Amino acid sequence: MRPPIPKRPKPIKDKKHSKFLHELVCLCCGAVELVQHHLLRCPSRHGQYRAGDQHSVPLCKRHHDELHLGAGTENGFSERYGLDLLTISNALWENTGDYEKCLNIIKARL
């Protein structure tokens, strides 16, 4: 008899972190009207699940739409803007709540 297939863990949902990301600026242009982009390729994305909030970054609507509609892929978007989205999302997650530190992480990429 086959052993049961283990359930995949559900992604982390953290309302405080999501709210905090909306207080920051866009990674690409520094705009303040933001959309939270959940990474498409990351360790917390399991099958049909969206990535956990720990793997998300702040983007303005224009850049979020460009990522999904214009750049072709998340990798293409990252290359175009010289961003390592997974590294940035991890840094923002580790420093959530520290506005100045997270703003400096983003500004280092602008």
PDB file of N, CA and C in Angstrom:
ATOM      1  N   MET A   1       0.840  -1.185   0.000  1.00  0.00           N
ATOM      2  CA  MET A   1       0.000   0.000   0.000  1.00  0.00           C
ATOM      3  C   MET A   1       0.885   1.248   0.000  1.00  0.00           C
ATOM      4  N   ARG A   2       0.500   2.250  -0.780  1.00  0.00           N
ATOM      5  CA  ARG A   2       1.260   3.498  -0.876  1.00  0.00           C
ATOM      6  C   ARG A   2       1.042   4.371   0.342  1.00  0.00           C
ATOM      7  N   PRO A   3       2.107   5.046   0.769  1.00  0.00           N
ATOM      8  CA  PRO A   3       1.915   5.998   1.875  1.00  0.00           C
ATOM      9  C   PRO A   3       1.122   7.201   1.372  1.00  0.00           C
ATOM     10  N   PRO A   4       0.352   7.832   2.253  1.00  0.00           N
ATOM     11  CA  PRO A   4      -0.433   9.000   1.827  1.00  0.00           C
ATOM     12  C   PRO A   4       0.482  10.142   1.399  1.00  0.00           C
ATOM     13  N   ILE A   5       0.006  10.912   0.439  1.00  0.00           N
ATOM     14  CA  ILE A   5       0.755  12.077  -0.028  1.00  0.00           C
ATOM     15  C   ILE A   5       0.587  13.192   1.004  1.00  0.00           C
ATOM     16  N   PRO A   6       1.707  13.724   1.506  1.00  0.00           N
ATOM     17  CA  PRO A   6       1.577  14.792   2.513  1.00  0.00           C
ATOM     18  C   PRO A   6       0.976  16.050   1.913  1.00  0.00           C
ATOM     19  N   LYS A   7       0.189  16.741   2.725  1.00  0.00           N
ATOM     20  CA  LYS A   7      -0.401  18.002   2.267  1.00  0.00           C
ATOM     21  C   LYS A   7       0.679  19.066   2.185  1.00  0.00           C
ATOM     22  N   ARG A   8       0.558  19.903   1.172  1.00  0.00           N
ATOM     23  CA  ARG A   8       1.482  21.027   1.046  1.00  0.00           C
ATOM     24  C   ARG A   8       1.068  22.111   2.022  1.00  0.00           C
ATOM     25  N   PRO A   9       2.058  22.745   2.640  1.00  0.00           N
ATOM     26  CA  PRO A   9       1.693  23.815   3.580  1.00  0.00           C
ATOM     27  C   PRO A   9       1.093  25.001   2.839  1.00  0.00           C
ATOM     28  N   LYS A  10       0.110  25.628   3.472  1.00  0.00           N
ATOM     29  CA  LYS A  10      -0.476  26.825   2.875  1.00  0.00           C
ATOM     30  C   LYS A  10       0.477  27.996   3.073  1.00  0.00           C
ATOM     31  N   PRO A  11       0.469  28.929   2.134  1.00  0.00           N
ATOM     32  CA  PRO A  11       1.357  30.094   2.244  1.00  0.00           C
ATOM     33  C   PRO A  11       1.023  30.954   3.462  1.00  0.00           C
ATOM     34  N   ILE A  12       2.025  31.652   3.939  1.00  0.00           N
ATOM     35  CA  ILE A  12       1.853  32.563   5.077  1.00  0.00           C
ATOM     36  C   ILE A  12       1.040  33.773   4.637  1.00  0.00           C
ATOM     37  N   LYS A  13       0.044  34.121   5.414  1.00  0.00           N
ATOM     38  CA  LYS A  13      -0.710  35.356   5.206  1.00  0.00           C
ATOM     39  C   LYS A  13      -0.484  36.215   6.435  1.00  0.00           C
ATOM     40  N   ASP A  14       0.051  37.389   6.227  1.00  0.00           N
ATOM     41  CA  ASP A  14       0.382  38.277   7.328  1.00  0.00           C
ATOM     42  C   ASP A  14      -0.145  39.674   7.007  1.00  0.00           C
ATOM     43  N   LYS A  15      -1.277  40.030   7.618  1.00  0.00           N
ATOM     44  CA  LYS A  15      -1.917  41.320   7.334  1.00  0.00           C
ATOM     45  C   LYS A  15      -1.031  42.500   7.716  1.00  0.00           C
ATOM     46  N   LYS A  16      -0.286  42.365   8.804  1.00  0.00           N
ATOM     47  CA  LYS A  16       0.591  43.468   9.226  1.00  0.00           C
ATOM     48  C   LYS A  16       1.678  43.713   8.175  1.00  0.00           C
ATOM     49  N   HIS A  17       2.268  42.638   7.655  1.00  0.00           N
ATOM     50  CA  HIS A  17       3.314  42.796   6.645  1.00  0.00           C
ATOM     51  C   HIS A  17       2.729  43.372   5.358  1.00  0.00           C
ATOM     52  N   SER A  18       1.561  42.904   4.956  1.00  0.00           N
ATOM     53  CA  SER A  18       0.910  43.419   3.747  1.00  0.00           C
ATOM     54  C   SER A  18       0.628  44.910   3.880  1.00  0.00           C
ATOM     55  N   LYS A  19       0.104  45.307   5.021  1.00  0.00           N
ATOM     56  CA  LYS A  19      -0.172  46.724   5.259  1.00  0.00           C
ATOM     57  C   LYS A  19       1.132  47.527   5.240  1.00  0.00           C
ATOM     58  N   PHE A  20       2.172  46.975   5.846  1.00  0.00           N
ATOM     59  CA  PHE A  20       3.474  47.638   5.885  1.00  0.00           C
ATOM     60  C   PHE A  20       4.020  47.848   4.476  1.00  0.00           C
ATOM     61  N   LEU A  21       3.902  46.843   3.599  1.00  0.00           N
ATOM     62  CA  LEU A  21       4.398  46.978   2.226  1.00  0.00           C
ATOM     63  C   LEU A  21       3.719  48.139   1.509  1.00  0.00           C
ATOM     64  N   HIS A  22       2.444  48.369   1.801  1.00  0.00           N
ATOM     65  CA  HIS A  22       1.706  49.460   1.160  1.00  0.00           C
ATOM     66  C   HIS A  22       2.150  50.842   1.659  1.00  0.00           C
ATOM     67  N   GLU A  23       2.918  50.886   2.735  1.00  0.00           N
ATOM     68  CA  GLU A  23       3.444  52.150   3.253  1.00  0.00           C
ATOM     69  C   GLU A  23       4.784  52.512   2.607  1.00  0.00           C
ATOM     70  N   LEU A  24       5.364  51.571   1.845  1.00  0.00           N
ATOM     71  CA  LEU A  24       6.669  51.791   1.224  1.00  0.00           C
ATOM     72  C   LEU A  24       6.496  52.438  -0.145  1.00  0.00           C
ATOM     73  N   VAL A  25       7.483  52.307  -1.011  1.00  0.00           N
ATOM     74  CA  VAL A  25       7.430  52.879  -2.355  1.00  0.00           C
ATOM     75  C   VAL A  25       7.690  51.780  -3.379  1.00  0.00           C
ATOM     76  N   CYS A  26       7.320  52.051  -4.624  1.00  0.00           N
ATOM     77  CA  CYS A  26       7.519  51.103  -5.721  1.00  0.00           C
ATOM     78  C   CYS A  26       9.013  50.815  -5.909  1.00  0.00           C
ATOM     79  N   LEU A  27       9.336  49.553  -6.109  1.00  0.00           N
ATOM     80  CA  LEU A  27      10.732  49.149  -6.336  1.00  0.00           C
ATOM     81  C   LEU A  27      11.335  49.765  -7.592  1.00  0.00           C
ATOM     82  N   CYS A  28      10.500  50.077  -8.574  1.00  0.00           N
ATOM     83  CA  CYS A  28      11.000  50.522  -9.876  1.00  0.00           C
ATOM     84  C   CYS A  28      11.055  52.032 -10.033  1.00  0.00           C
ATOM     85  N   CYS A  29      10.070  52.749  -9.460  1.00  0.00           N
ATOM     86  CA  CYS A  29       9.994  54.185  -9.737  1.00  0.00           C
ATOM     87  C   CYS A  29       9.822  55.060  -8.493  1.00  0.00           C
ATOM     88  N   GLY A  30       9.582  54.457  -7.333  1.00  0.00           N
ATOM     89  CA  GLY A  30       9.420  55.243  -6.120  1.00  0.00           C
ATOM     90  C   GLY A  30       8.022  55.783  -5.890  1.00  0.00           C
ATOM     91  N   ALA A  31       7.060  55.385  -6.736  1.00  0.00           N
ATOM     92  CA  ALA A  31       5.675  55.849  -6.557  1.00  0.00           C
ATOM     93  C   ALA A  31       5.110  55.316  -5.236  1.00  0.00           C
ATOM     94  N   VAL A  32       4.082  56.003  -4.723  1.00  0.00           N
ATOM     95  CA  VAL A  32       3.518  55.619  -3.431  1.00  0.00           C
ATOM     96  C   VAL A  32       2.151  54.925  -3.518  1.00  0.00           C
ATOM     97  N   GLU A  33       1.511  54.939  -4.672  1.00  0.00           N
ATOM     98  CA  GLU A  33       0.249  54.203  -4.855  1.00  0.00           C
ATOM     99  C   GLU A  33       0.629  52.777  -5.239  1.00  0.00           C
ATOM    100  N   LEU A  34       0.489  51.824  -4.317  1.00  0.00           N
ATOM    101  CA  LEU A  34       1.097  50.508  -4.500  1.00  0.00           C
ATOM    102  C   LEU A  34       0.121  49.355  -4.634  1.00  0.00           C
ATOM    103  N   VAL A  35       0.646  48.314  -5.265  1.00  0.00           N
ATOM    104  CA  VAL A  35       0.000  47.006  -5.352  1.00  0.00           C
ATOM    105  C   VAL A  35       1.020  46.027  -4.788  1.00  0.00           C
ATOM    106  N   GLN A  36       0.576  45.071  -4.010  1.00  0.00           N
ATOM    107  CA  GLN A  36       1.479  44.065  -3.462  1.00  0.00           C
ATOM    108  C   GLN A  36       1.611  42.941  -4.481  1.00  0.00           C
ATOM    109  N   HIS A  37       2.817  42.748  -5.014  1.00  0.00           N
ATOM    110  CA  HIS A  37       3.043  41.676  -5.987  1.00  0.00           C
ATOM    111  C   HIS A  37       3.574  40.452  -5.266  1.00  0.00           C
ATOM    112  N   HIS A  38       2.838  39.334  -5.353  1.00  0.00           N
ATOM    113  CA  HIS A  38       3.292  38.058  -4.816  1.00  0.00           C
ATOM    114  C   HIS A  38       4.107  37.361  -5.907  1.00  0.00           C
ATOM    115  N   LEU A  39       5.324  36.978  -5.577  1.00  0.00           N
ATOM    116  CA  LEU A  39       6.233  36.392  -6.558  1.00  0.00           C
ATOM    117  C   LEU A  39       5.627  35.147  -7.198  1.00  0.00           C
ATOM    118  N   LEU A  40       5.952  34.960  -8.458  1.00  0.00           N
ATOM    119  CA  LEU A  40       5.434  33.812  -9.203  1.00  0.00           C
ATOM    120  C   LEU A  40       6.332  32.591  -9.045  1.00  0.00           C
ATOM    121  N   ARG A  41       7.610  32.813  -8.813  1.00  0.00           N
ATOM    122  CA  ARG A  41       8.562  31.713  -8.629  1.00  0.00           C
ATOM    123  C   ARG A  41       9.303  31.925  -7.313  1.00  0.00           C
ATOM    124  N   CYS A  42       8.913  31.130  -6.318  1.00  0.00           N
ATOM    125  CA  CYS A  42       9.543  31.245  -5.012  1.00  0.00           C
ATOM    126  C   CYS A  42       9.240  30.001  -4.194  1.00  0.00           C
ATOM    127  N   PRO A  43       9.938  29.808  -3.078  1.00  0.00           N
ATOM    128  CA  PRO A  43       9.745  28.601  -2.273  1.00  0.00           C
ATOM    129  C   PRO A  43       8.353  28.453  -1.652  1.00  0.00           C
ATOM    130  N   SER A  44       7.636  29.552  -1.416  1.00  0.00           N
ATOM    131  CA  SER A  44       6.345  29.438  -0.723  1.00  0.00           C
ATOM    132  C   SER A  44       5.169  29.254  -1.674  1.00  0.00           C
ATOM    133  N   ARG A  45       5.426  29.161  -2.962  1.00  0.00           N
ATOM    134  CA  ARG A  45       4.322  28.978  -3.910  1.00  0.00           C
ATOM    135  C   ARG A  45       4.178  27.489  -4.192  1.00  0.00           C
ATOM    136  N   HIS A  46       3.043  26.946  -3.841  1.00  0.00           N
ATOM    137  CA  HIS A  46       2.792  25.514  -3.998  1.00  0.00           C
ATOM    138  C   HIS A  46       1.601  25.304  -4.923  1.00  0.00           C
ATOM    139  N   GLY A  47       1.863  24.836  -6.120  1.00  0.00           N
ATOM    140  CA  GLY A  47       0.773  24.512  -7.034  1.00  0.00           C
ATOM    141  C   GLY A  47      -0.142  25.679  -7.282  1.00  0.00           C
ATOM    142  N   GLN A  48      -1.402  25.516  -6.896  1.00  0.00           N
ATOM    143  CA  GLN A  48      -2.396  26.536  -7.187  1.00  0.00           C
ATOM    144  C   GLN A  48      -2.350  27.702  -6.213  1.00  0.00           C
ATOM    145  N   TYR A  49      -1.570  27.590  -5.156  1.00  0.00           N
ATOM    146  CA  TYR A  49      -1.518  28.659  -4.165  1.00  0.00           C
ATOM    147  C   TYR A  49      -0.712  29.851  -4.658  1.00  0.00           C
ATOM    148  N   ARG A  50      -1.144  31.033  -4.267  1.00  0.00           N
ATOM    149  CA  ARG A  50      -0.352  32.242  -4.483  1.00  0.00           C
ATOM    150  C   ARG A  50       0.780  32.206  -3.455  1.00  0.00           C
ATOM    151  N   ALA A  51       1.899  32.844  -3.775  1.00  0.00           N
ATOM    152  CA  ALA A  51       3.024  32.893  -2.847  1.00  0.00           C
ATOM    153  C   ALA A  51       2.597  33.524  -1.526  1.00  0.00           C
ATOM    154  N   GLY A  52       3.288  33.159  -0.475  1.00  0.00           N
ATOM    155  CA  GLY A  52       3.009  33.740   0.830  1.00  0.00           C
ATOM    156  C   GLY A  52       3.395  35.211   0.869  1.00  0.00           C
ATOM    157  N   ASP A  53       2.861  35.914   1.847  1.00  0.00           N
ATOM    158  CA  ASP A  53       3.142  37.344   1.972  1.00  0.00           C
ATOM    159  C   ASP A  53       4.628  37.623   2.214  1.00  0.00           C
ATOM    160  N   GLN A  54       5.362  36.635   2.715  1.00  0.00           N
ATOM    161  CA  GLN A  54       6.797  36.835   2.921  1.00  0.00           C
ATOM    162  C   GLN A  54       7.540  36.910   1.591  1.00  0.00           C
ATOM    163  N   HIS A  55       6.909  36.483   0.525  1.00  0.00           N
ATOM    164  CA  HIS A  55       7.512  36.550  -0.813  1.00  0.00           C
ATOM    165  C   HIS A  55       6.710  37.507  -1.692  1.00  0.00           C
ATOM    166  N   SER A  56       6.601  38.735  -1.225  1.00  0.00           N
ATOM    167  CA  SER A  56       5.909  39.763  -2.001  1.00  0.00           C
ATOM    168  C   SER A  56       6.680  41.072  -1.907  1.00  0.00           C
ATOM    169  N   VAL A  57       6.456  41.905  -2.911  1.00  0.00           N
ATOM    170  CA  VAL A  57       7.178  43.182  -3.005  1.00  0.00           C
ATOM    171  C   VAL A  57       6.203  44.289  -3.393  1.00  0.00           C
ATOM    172  N   PRO A  58       6.537  45.549  -3.050  1.00  0.00           N
ATOM    173  CA  PRO A  58       5.670  46.663  -3.424  1.00  0.00           C
ATOM    174  C   PRO A  58       5.983  47.170  -4.835  1.00  0.00           C
ATOM    175  N   LEU A  59       4.960  47.237  -5.673  1.00  0.00           N
ATOM    176  CA  LEU A  59       5.072  47.805  -7.016  1.00  0.00           C
ATOM    177  C   LEU A  59       3.901  48.748  -7.239  1.00  0.00           C
ATOM    178  N   CYS A  60       4.105  49.792  -8.045  1.00  0.00           N
ATOM    179  CA  CYS A  60       2.978  50.641  -8.425  1.00  0.00           C
ATOM    180  C   CYS A  60       2.141  49.855  -9.439  1.00  0.00           C
ATOM    181  N   LYS A  61       0.927  50.305  -9.681  1.00  0.00           N
ATOM    182  CA  LYS A  61       0.035  49.595 -10.590  1.00  0.00           C
ATOM    183  C   LYS A  61       0.630  49.492 -11.994  1.00  0.00           C
ATOM    184  N   ARG A  62       1.275  50.552 -12.447  1.00  0.00           N
ATOM    185  CA  ARG A  62       1.859  50.543 -13.794  1.00  0.00           C
ATOM    186  C   ARG A  62       2.915  49.448 -13.925  1.00  0.00           C
ATOM    187  N   HIS A  63       3.811  49.346 -12.943  1.00  0.00           N
ATOM    188  CA  HIS A  63       4.860  48.329 -13.021  1.00  0.00           C
ATOM    189  C   HIS A  63       4.308  46.935 -12.752  1.00  0.00           C
ATOM    190  N   HIS A  64       3.294  46.826 -11.902  1.00  0.00           N
ATOM    191  CA  HIS A  64       2.666  45.528 -11.662  1.00  0.00           C
ATOM    192  C   HIS A  64       2.009  45.025 -12.944  1.00  0.00           C
ATOM    193  N   ASP A  65       1.297  45.913 -13.632  1.00  0.00           N
ATOM    194  CA  ASP A  65       0.678  45.535 -14.913  1.00  0.00           C
ATOM    195  C   ASP A  65       1.745  45.183 -15.940  1.00  0.00           C
ATOM    196  N   GLU A  66       2.835  45.955 -15.965  1.00  0.00           N
ATOM    197  CA  GLU A  66       3.922  45.662 -16.897  1.00  0.00           C
ATOM    198  C   GLU A  66       4.503  44.271 -16.625  1.00  0.00           C
ATOM    199  N   LEU A  67       4.666  43.949 -15.349  1.00  0.00           N
ATOM    200  CA  LEU A  67       5.212  42.646 -14.996  1.00  0.00           C
ATOM    201  C   LEU A  67       4.324  41.523 -15.534  1.00  0.00           C
ATOM    202  N   HIS A  68       3.015  41.647 -15.321  1.00  0.00           N
ATOM    203  CA  HIS A  68       2.100  40.576 -15.714  1.00  0.00           C
ATOM    204  C   HIS A  68       1.737  40.593 -17.197  1.00  0.00           C
ATOM    205  N   LEU A  69       1.681  41.782 -17.794  1.00  0.00           N
ATOM    206  CA  LEU A  69       1.180  41.876 -19.164  1.00  0.00           C
ATOM    207  C   LEU A  69       2.250  42.201 -20.194  1.00  0.00           C
ATOM    208  N   GLY A  70       3.242  43.010 -19.813  1.00  0.00           N
ATOM    209  CA  GLY A  70       4.160  43.521 -20.814  1.00  0.00           C
ATOM    210  C   GLY A  70       5.524  42.863 -20.848  1.00  0.00           C
ATOM    211  N   ALA A  71       6.021  42.427 -19.692  1.00  0.00           N
ATOM    212  CA  ALA A  71       7.391  41.925 -19.636  1.00  0.00           C
ATOM    213  C   ALA A  71       7.506  40.485 -20.112  1.00  0.00           C
ATOM    214  N   GLY A  72       6.398  39.794 -20.229  1.00  0.00           N
ATOM    215  CA  GLY A  72       6.434  38.401 -20.646  1.00  0.00           C
ATOM    216  C   GLY A  72       6.554  37.454 -19.467  1.00  0.00           C
ATOM    217  N   THR A  73       7.577  37.646 -18.650  1.00  0.00           N
ATOM    218  CA  THR A  73       7.776  36.791 -17.484  1.00  0.00           C
ATOM    219  C   THR A  73       8.296  37.625 -16.321  1.00  0.00           C
ATOM    220  N   GLU A  74       8.201  37.070 -15.149  1.00  0.00           N
ATOM    221  CA  GLU A  74       8.746  37.737 -13.975  1.00  0.00           C
ATOM    222  C   GLU A  74      10.266  37.866 -14.113  1.00  0.00           C
ATOM    223  N   ASN A  75      10.907  36.849 -14.686  1.00  0.00           N
ATOM    224  CA  ASN A  75      12.361  36.905 -14.893  1.00  0.00           C
ATOM    225  C   ASN A  75      12.729  38.031 -15.856  1.00  0.00           C
ATOM    226  N   GLY A  76      11.958  38.196 -16.921  1.00  0.00           N
ATOM    227  CA  GLY A  76      12.219  39.277 -17.874  1.00  0.00           C
ATOM    228  C   GLY A  76      12.075  40.636 -17.227  1.00  0.00           C
ATOM    229  N   PHE A  77      11.063  40.782 -16.399  1.00  0.00           N
ATOM    230  CA  PHE A  77      10.848  42.033 -15.671  1.00  0.00           C
ATOM    231  C   PHE A  77      12.016  42.305 -14.733  1.00  0.00           C
ATOM    232  N   SER A  78      12.431  41.279 -13.997  1.00  0.00           N
ATOM    233  CA  SER A  78      13.551  41.422 -13.058  1.00  0.00           C
ATOM    234  C   SER A  78      14.818  41.839 -13.776  1.00  0.00           C
ATOM    235  N   GLU A  79      15.080  41.228 -14.926  1.00  0.00           N
ATOM    236  CA  GLU A  79      16.277  41.571 -15.696  1.00  0.00           C
ATOM    237  C   GLU A  79      16.205  43.003 -16.218  1.00  0.00           C
ATOM    238  N   ARG A  80      15.022  43.400 -16.702  1.00  0.00           N
ATOM    239  CA  ARG A  80      14.853  44.748 -17.242  1.00  0.00           C
ATOM    240  C   ARG A  80      15.187  45.815 -16.207  1.00  0.00           C
ATOM    241  N   TYR A  81      14.777  45.590 -14.959  1.00  0.00           N
ATOM    242  CA  TYR A  81      14.985  46.588 -13.909  1.00  0.00           C
ATOM    243  C   TYR A  81      16.166  46.258 -12.992  1.00  0.00           C
ATOM    244  N   GLY A  82      16.864  45.169 -13.255  1.00  0.00           N
ATOM    245  CA  GLY A  82      18.013  44.795 -12.440  1.00  0.00           C
ATOM    246  C   GLY A  82      17.640  44.451 -11.011  1.00  0.00           C
ATOM    247  N   LEU A  83      16.527  43.722 -10.844  1.00  0.00           N
ATOM    248  CA  LEU A  83      16.025  43.390  -9.516  1.00  0.00           C
ATOM    249  C   LEU A  83      16.142  41.895  -9.240  1.00  0.00           C
ATOM    250  N   ASP A  84      16.498  41.555  -8.024  1.00  0.00           N
ATOM    251  CA  ASP A  84      16.425  40.177  -7.550  1.00  0.00           C
ATOM    252  C   ASP A  84      15.230  40.150  -6.590  1.00  0.00           C
ATOM    253  N   LEU A  85      14.058  39.866  -7.141  1.00  0.00           N
ATOM    254  CA  LEU A  85      12.818  39.996  -6.367  1.00  0.00           C
ATOM    255  C   LEU A  85      12.782  39.089  -5.139  1.00  0.00           C
ATOM    256  N   LEU A  86      13.330  37.889  -5.238  1.00  0.00           N
ATOM    257  CA  LEU A  86      13.318  36.978  -4.091  1.00  0.00           C
ATOM    258  C   LEU A  86      14.189  37.531  -2.960  1.00  0.00           C
ATOM    259  N   THR A  87      15.370  38.016  -3.293  1.00  0.00           N
ATOM    260  CA  THR A  87      16.254  38.591  -2.273  1.00  0.00           C
ATOM    261  C   THR A  87      15.620  39.823  -1.633  1.00  0.00           C
ATOM    262  N   ILE A  88      15.007  40.670  -2.452  1.00  0.00           N
ATOM    263  CA  ILE A  88      14.357  41.877  -1.922  1.00  0.00           C
ATOM    264  C   ILE A  88      13.185  41.499  -1.024  1.00  0.00           C
ATOM    265  N   SER A  89      12.356  40.562  -1.470  1.00  0.00           N
ATOM    266  CA  SER A  89      11.200  40.168  -0.654  1.00  0.00           C
ATOM    267  C   SER A  89      11.656  39.582   0.679  1.00  0.00           C
ATOM    268  N   ASN A  90      12.722  38.776   0.665  1.00  0.00           N
ATOM    269  CA  ASN A  90      13.240  38.206   1.912  1.00  0.00           C
ATOM    270  C   ASN A  90      13.759  39.305   2.843  1.00  0.00           C
ATOM    271  N   ALA A  91      14.456  40.291   2.278  1.00  0.00           N
ATOM    272  CA  ALA A  91      14.982  41.395   3.097  1.00  0.00           C
ATOM    273  C   ALA A  91      13.845  42.215   3.700  1.00  0.00           C
ATOM    274  N   LEU A  92      12.800  42.473   2.914  1.00  0.00           N
ATOM    275  CA  LEU A  92      11.657  43.237   3.436  1.00  0.00           C
ATOM    276  C   LEU A  92      10.949  42.449   4.536  1.00  0.00           C
ATOM    277  N   TRP A  93      10.822  41.139   4.347  1.00  0.00           N
ATOM    278  CA  TRP A  93      10.166  40.278   5.342  1.00  0.00           C
ATOM    279  C   TRP A  93      10.961  40.270   6.649  1.00  0.00           C
ATOM    280  N   GLU A  94      12.276  40.137   6.542  1.00  0.00           N
ATOM    281  CA  GLU A  94      13.124  40.093   7.737  1.00  0.00           C
ATOM    282  C   GLU A  94      13.101  41.413   8.500  1.00  0.00           C
ATOM    283  N   ASN A  95      12.828  42.512   7.812  1.00  0.00           N
ATOM    284  CA  ASN A  95      12.854  43.831   8.440  1.00  0.00           C
ATOM    285  C   ASN A  95      11.477  44.483   8.514  1.00  0.00           C
ATOM    286  N   THR A  96      10.421  43.697   8.383  1.00  0.00           N
ATOM    287  CA  THR A  96       9.079  44.267   8.389  1.00  0.00           C
ATOM    288  C   THR A  96       8.847  45.076   9.663  1.00  0.00           C
ATOM    289  N   GLY A  97       8.246  46.224   9.499  1.00  0.00           N
ATOM    290  CA  GLY A  97       8.008  47.114  10.620  1.00  0.00           C
ATOM    291  C   GLY A  97       9.076  48.190  10.768  1.00  0.00           C
ATOM    292  N   ASP A  98      10.265  47.949  10.226  1.00  0.00           N
ATOM    293  CA  ASP A  98      11.352  48.927  10.283  1.00  0.00           C
ATOM    294  C   ASP A  98      11.311  49.731   8.981  1.00  0.00           C
ATOM    295  N   TYR A  99      10.521  50.800   9.000  1.00  0.00           N
ATOM    296  CA  TYR A  99      10.266  51.587   7.791  1.00  0.00           C
ATOM    297  C   TYR A  99      11.555  52.106   7.160  1.00  0.00           C
ATOM    298  N   GLU A 100      12.421  52.706   7.954  1.00  0.00           N
ATOM    299  CA  GLU A 100      13.654  53.303   7.426  1.00  0.00           C
ATOM    300  C   GLU A 100      14.542  52.251   6.767  1.00  0.00           C
ATOM    301  N   LYS A 101      14.713  51.117   7.419  1.00  0.00           N
ATOM    302  CA  LYS A 101      15.578  50.069   6.869  1.00  0.00           C
ATOM    303  C   LYS A 101      15.004  49.535   5.559  1.00  0.00           C
ATOM    304  N   CYS A 102      13.695  49.290   5.520  1.00  0.00           N
ATOM    305  CA  CYS A 102      13.064  48.774   4.305  1.00  0.00           C
ATOM    306  C   CYS A 102      13.088  49.810   3.184  1.00  0.00           C
ATOM    307  N   LEU A 103      12.900  51.054   3.529  1.00  0.00           N
ATOM    308  CA  LEU A 103      12.976  52.115   2.526  1.00  0.00           C
ATOM    309  C   LEU A 103      14.388  52.192   1.946  1.00  0.00           C
ATOM    310  N   ASN A 104      15.401  51.997   2.777  1.00  0.00           N
ATOM    311  CA  ASN A 104      16.780  51.979   2.298  1.00  0.00           C
ATOM    312  C   ASN A 104      17.050  50.769   1.405  1.00  0.00           C
ATOM    313  N   ILE A 105      16.452  49.633   1.717  1.00  0.00           N
ATOM    314  CA  ILE A 105      16.585  48.444   0.870  1.00  0.00           C
ATOM    315  C   ILE A 105      16.030  48.746  -0.522  1.00  0.00           C
ATOM    316  N   ILE A 106      14.876  49.404  -0.564  1.00  0.00           N
ATOM    317  CA  ILE A 106      14.248  49.742  -1.855  1.00  0.00           C
ATOM    318  C   ILE A 106      15.041  50.828  -2.571  1.00  0.00           C
ATOM    319  N   LYS A 107      15.423  51.864  -1.845  1.00  0.00           N
ATOM    320  CA  LYS A 107      16.141  52.980  -2.477  1.00  0.00           C
ATOM    321  C   LYS A 107      17.485  52.541  -3.053  1.00  0.00           C
ATOM    322  N   ALA A 108      18.092  51.522  -2.479  1.00  0.00           N
ATOM    323  CA  ALA A 108      19.357  50.994  -3.008  1.00  0.00           C
ATOM    324  C   ALA A 108      19.152  50.392  -4.394  1.00  0.00           C
ATOM    325  N   ARG A 109      17.902  50.048  -4.729  1.00  0.00           N
ATOM    326  CA  ARG A 109      17.584  49.450  -6.030  1.00  0.00           C
ATOM    327  C   ARG A 109      17.094  50.475  -7.043  1.00  0.00           C
ATOM    328  N   LEU A 110      16.731  51.680  -6.590  1.00  0.00           N
ATOM    329  CA  LEU A 110      16.191  52.699  -7.508  1.00  0.00           C
ATOM    330  C   LEU A 110      17.289  53.358  -8.314  1.00  0.00           C
TER     331      LEU A 110
END
